[in-house]
Amino acid sequence: MAANKDGEDIHVTVLHQDEGFVYFPLSEKNDQRQDIARYITALQAEIEAGVYQTKLVAMEDEEVCC
């Protein structure tokens, strides 16, 4: 689970065992599968507090090794 603030909303990324990576705005939590919605609801206060905030990386700015 990772989150990223985007304007007024928080975008969430969840790695689901059946669906793979699922991306959605936190405001659309209730539109997700029931198990994902329950999981995010349980973590929502921490998500909003920035506990799961990730830094996005611009791949074109990264050095290539070897």
N, C-alpha and C. Protein backbone atom coordinates (compact mmCIF):
# COMPACT_ATOMS: atom_id res chain seq x y z
N MET A 1 0.85 -1.16 0.00
CA MET A 1 0.00 0.00 0.00
C MET A 1 0.89 1.22 0.00
N ALA A 2 0.60 2.16 -0.88
CA ALA A 2 1.32 3.42 -0.94
C ALA A 2 0.32 4.51 -1.28
N ALA A 3 0.65 5.72 -0.93
CA ALA A 3 -0.23 6.85 -1.21
C ALA A 3 0.60 8.02 -1.69
N ASN A 4 -0.05 8.88 -2.48
CA ASN A 4 0.62 10.07 -2.98
C ASN A 4 -0.41 11.19 -3.07
N LYS A 5 -0.10 12.32 -2.44
CA LYS A 5 -0.98 13.50 -2.47
C LYS A 5 -0.93 14.09 -3.87
N ASP A 6 -2.11 14.34 -4.46
CA ASP A 6 -2.20 14.94 -5.78
C ASP A 6 -3.28 16.01 -5.74
N GLY A 7 -2.86 17.24 -5.59
CA GLY A 7 -3.83 18.32 -5.46
C GLY A 7 -4.60 18.17 -4.18
N GLU A 8 -5.90 18.13 -4.30
CA GLU A 8 -6.77 18.00 -3.13
C GLU A 8 -7.03 16.55 -2.74
N ASP A 9 -6.61 15.62 -3.56
CA ASP A 9 -6.92 14.22 -3.29
C ASP A 9 -5.64 13.43 -3.02
N ILE A 10 -5.82 12.27 -2.48
CA ILE A 10 -4.72 11.34 -2.23
C ILE A 10 -4.94 10.14 -3.14
N HIS A 11 -3.93 9.80 -3.92
CA HIS A 11 -4.02 8.64 -4.79
C HIS A 11 -3.40 7.45 -4.07
N VAL A 12 -4.10 6.33 -4.12
CA VAL A 12 -3.72 5.14 -3.39
C VAL A 12 -3.32 4.04 -4.38
N THR A 13 -2.29 3.30 -4.02
CA THR A 13 -1.87 2.13 -4.79
C THR A 13 -1.88 0.94 -3.85
N VAL A 14 -2.58 -0.11 -4.26
CA VAL A 14 -2.68 -1.32 -3.45
C VAL A 14 -2.24 -2.50 -4.32
N LEU A 15 -1.43 -3.37 -3.77
CA LEU A 15 -1.08 -4.61 -4.47
C LEU A 15 -2.03 -5.68 -3.95
N HIS A 16 -2.99 -6.05 -4.79
CA HIS A 16 -4.02 -7.01 -4.41
C HIS A 16 -3.62 -8.40 -4.91
N GLN A 17 -3.88 -9.41 -4.10
CA GLN A 17 -3.45 -10.78 -4.44
C GLN A 17 -4.08 -11.31 -5.72
N ASP A 18 -5.28 -10.87 -6.08
CA ASP A 18 -5.94 -11.34 -7.29
C ASP A 18 -5.89 -10.34 -8.44
N GLU A 19 -5.97 -9.06 -8.12
CA GLU A 19 -6.09 -8.01 -9.12
C GLU A 19 -4.76 -7.38 -9.54
N GLY A 20 -3.69 -7.66 -8.79
CA GLY A 20 -2.42 -6.98 -9.06
C GLY A 20 -2.46 -5.57 -8.50
N PHE A 21 -1.77 -4.64 -9.16
CA PHE A 21 -1.76 -3.26 -8.67
C PHE A 21 -3.09 -2.59 -9.00
N VAL A 22 -3.68 -1.97 -7.99
CA VAL A 22 -4.94 -1.23 -8.14
C VAL A 22 -4.66 0.21 -7.73
N TYR A 23 -4.96 1.15 -8.62
CA TYR A 23 -4.72 2.57 -8.38
C TYR A 23 -6.07 3.29 -8.34
N PHE A 24 -6.24 4.19 -7.37
CA PHE A 24 -7.48 4.96 -7.32
C PHE A 24 -7.33 6.12 -6.35
N PRO A 25 -8.12 7.19 -6.54
CA PRO A 25 -8.14 8.29 -5.57
C PRO A 25 -8.83 7.82 -4.29
N LEU A 26 -8.34 8.28 -3.17
CA LEU A 26 -8.95 7.91 -1.89
C LEU A 26 -10.43 8.26 -1.86
N SER A 27 -10.81 9.33 -2.56
CA SER A 27 -12.21 9.73 -2.61
C SER A 27 -13.09 8.69 -3.31
N GLU A 28 -12.48 7.75 -4.04
CA GLU A 28 -13.23 6.69 -4.72
C GLU A 28 -13.07 5.33 -4.03
N LYS A 29 -12.68 5.36 -2.77
CA LYS A 29 -12.48 4.14 -1.99
C LYS A 29 -13.70 3.23 -2.01
N ASN A 30 -14.88 3.80 -1.88
CA ASN A 30 -16.10 2.99 -1.81
C ASN A 30 -16.50 2.40 -3.16
N ASP A 31 -15.85 2.81 -4.24
CA ASP A 31 -16.12 2.26 -5.56
C ASP A 31 -15.25 1.02 -5.86
N GLN A 32 -14.38 0.65 -4.92
CA GLN A 32 -13.45 -0.46 -5.11
C GLN A 32 -14.08 -1.76 -4.62
N ARG A 33 -13.38 -2.86 -4.87
CA ARG A 33 -13.81 -4.16 -4.33
C ARG A 33 -14.03 -4.02 -2.83
N GLN A 34 -14.91 -4.80 -2.30
CA GLN A 34 -15.25 -4.71 -0.88
C GLN A 34 -14.04 -4.95 0.02
N ASP A 35 -13.18 -5.92 -0.32
CA ASP A 35 -12.03 -6.19 0.53
C ASP A 35 -11.02 -5.04 0.50
N ILE A 36 -10.86 -4.43 -0.65
CA ILE A 36 -9.96 -3.27 -0.75
C ILE A 36 -10.53 -2.10 0.02
N ALA A 37 -11.81 -1.83 -0.13
CA ALA A 37 -12.45 -0.72 0.58
C ALA A 37 -12.32 -0.88 2.09
N ARG A 38 -12.52 -2.10 2.60
CA ARG A 38 -12.38 -2.35 4.04
C ARG A 38 -10.94 -2.11 4.50
N TYR A 39 -9.99 -2.59 3.72
CA TYR A 39 -8.57 -2.44 4.05
C TYR A 39 -8.19 -0.96 4.11
N ILE A 40 -8.59 -0.21 3.10
CA ILE A 40 -8.26 1.22 3.05
C ILE A 40 -8.98 1.98 4.16
N THR A 41 -10.21 1.62 4.44
CA THR A 41 -10.96 2.27 5.53
C THR A 41 -10.22 2.11 6.85
N ALA A 42 -9.69 0.92 7.09
CA ALA A 42 -8.96 0.67 8.34
C ALA A 42 -7.69 1.51 8.43
N LEU A 43 -7.11 1.86 7.30
CA LEU A 43 -5.86 2.63 7.28
C LEU A 43 -6.07 4.11 6.96
N GLN A 44 -7.30 4.53 6.75
CA GLN A 44 -7.56 5.87 6.23
C GLN A 44 -6.97 6.99 7.08
N ALA A 45 -7.08 6.92 8.38
CA ALA A 45 -6.52 7.99 9.23
C ALA A 45 -5.01 8.10 9.03
N GLU A 46 -4.33 6.96 8.95
CA GLU A 46 -2.88 6.98 8.73
C GLU A 46 -2.54 7.45 7.32
N ILE A 47 -3.35 7.05 6.34
CA ILE A 47 -3.13 7.51 4.96
C ILE A 47 -3.24 9.03 4.91
N GLU A 48 -4.28 9.57 5.49
CA GLU A 48 -4.49 11.02 5.49
C GLU A 48 -3.42 11.76 6.28
N ALA A 49 -2.82 11.10 7.27
CA ALA A 49 -1.74 11.71 8.06
C ALA A 49 -0.40 11.64 7.34
N GLY A 50 -0.33 10.94 6.21
CA GLY A 50 0.90 10.87 5.44
C GLY A 50 1.81 9.70 5.76
N VAL A 51 1.35 8.76 6.59
CA VAL A 51 2.18 7.62 6.98
C VAL A 51 2.62 6.80 5.77
N TYR A 52 1.76 6.68 4.77
CA TYR A 52 2.05 5.84 3.60
C TYR A 52 2.46 6.67 2.38
N GLN A 53 2.78 7.93 2.59
CA GLN A 53 3.17 8.83 1.51
C GLN A 53 4.47 8.35 0.87
N THR A 54 4.49 8.26 -0.45
CA THR A 54 5.69 7.85 -1.17
C THR A 54 6.17 8.98 -2.05
N LYS A 55 7.44 8.98 -2.33
CA LYS A 55 8.02 9.95 -3.25
C LYS A 55 8.03 9.32 -4.63
N LEU A 56 7.45 10.01 -5.60
CA LEU A 56 7.47 9.50 -6.96
C LEU A 56 8.81 9.83 -7.60
N VAL A 57 9.27 8.94 -8.46
CA VAL A 57 10.56 9.10 -9.11
C VAL A 57 10.33 9.30 -10.59
N ALA A 58 10.99 10.32 -11.16
CA ALA A 58 10.96 10.52 -12.59
C ALA A 58 12.02 9.62 -13.20
N MET A 59 11.59 8.57 -13.88
CA MET A 59 12.52 7.57 -14.38
C MET A 59 13.57 8.15 -15.32
N GLU A 60 13.22 9.18 -16.08
CA GLU A 60 14.18 9.78 -17.00
C GLU A 60 15.32 10.49 -16.26
N ASP A 61 15.13 10.79 -14.97
CA ASP A 61 16.16 11.45 -14.19
C ASP A 61 17.06 10.46 -13.45
N GLU A 62 16.74 9.18 -13.49
CA GLU A 62 17.49 8.17 -12.77
C GLU A 62 18.69 7.71 -13.58
N GLU A 63 19.79 7.40 -12.89
CA GLU A 63 20.99 6.88 -13.54
C GLU A 63 20.79 5.40 -13.82
N VAL A 64 21.33 4.96 -14.94
CA VAL A 64 21.28 3.56 -15.31
C VAL A 64 22.62 2.93 -14.94
N CYS A 65 22.52 1.84 -14.26
CA CYS A 65 23.74 1.17 -13.80
C CYS A 65 24.16 0.08 -14.78
N CYS A 66 25.41 -0.15 -14.86
CA CYS A 66 26.06 -1.28 -15.54
C CYS A 66 25.88 -1.16 -17.02
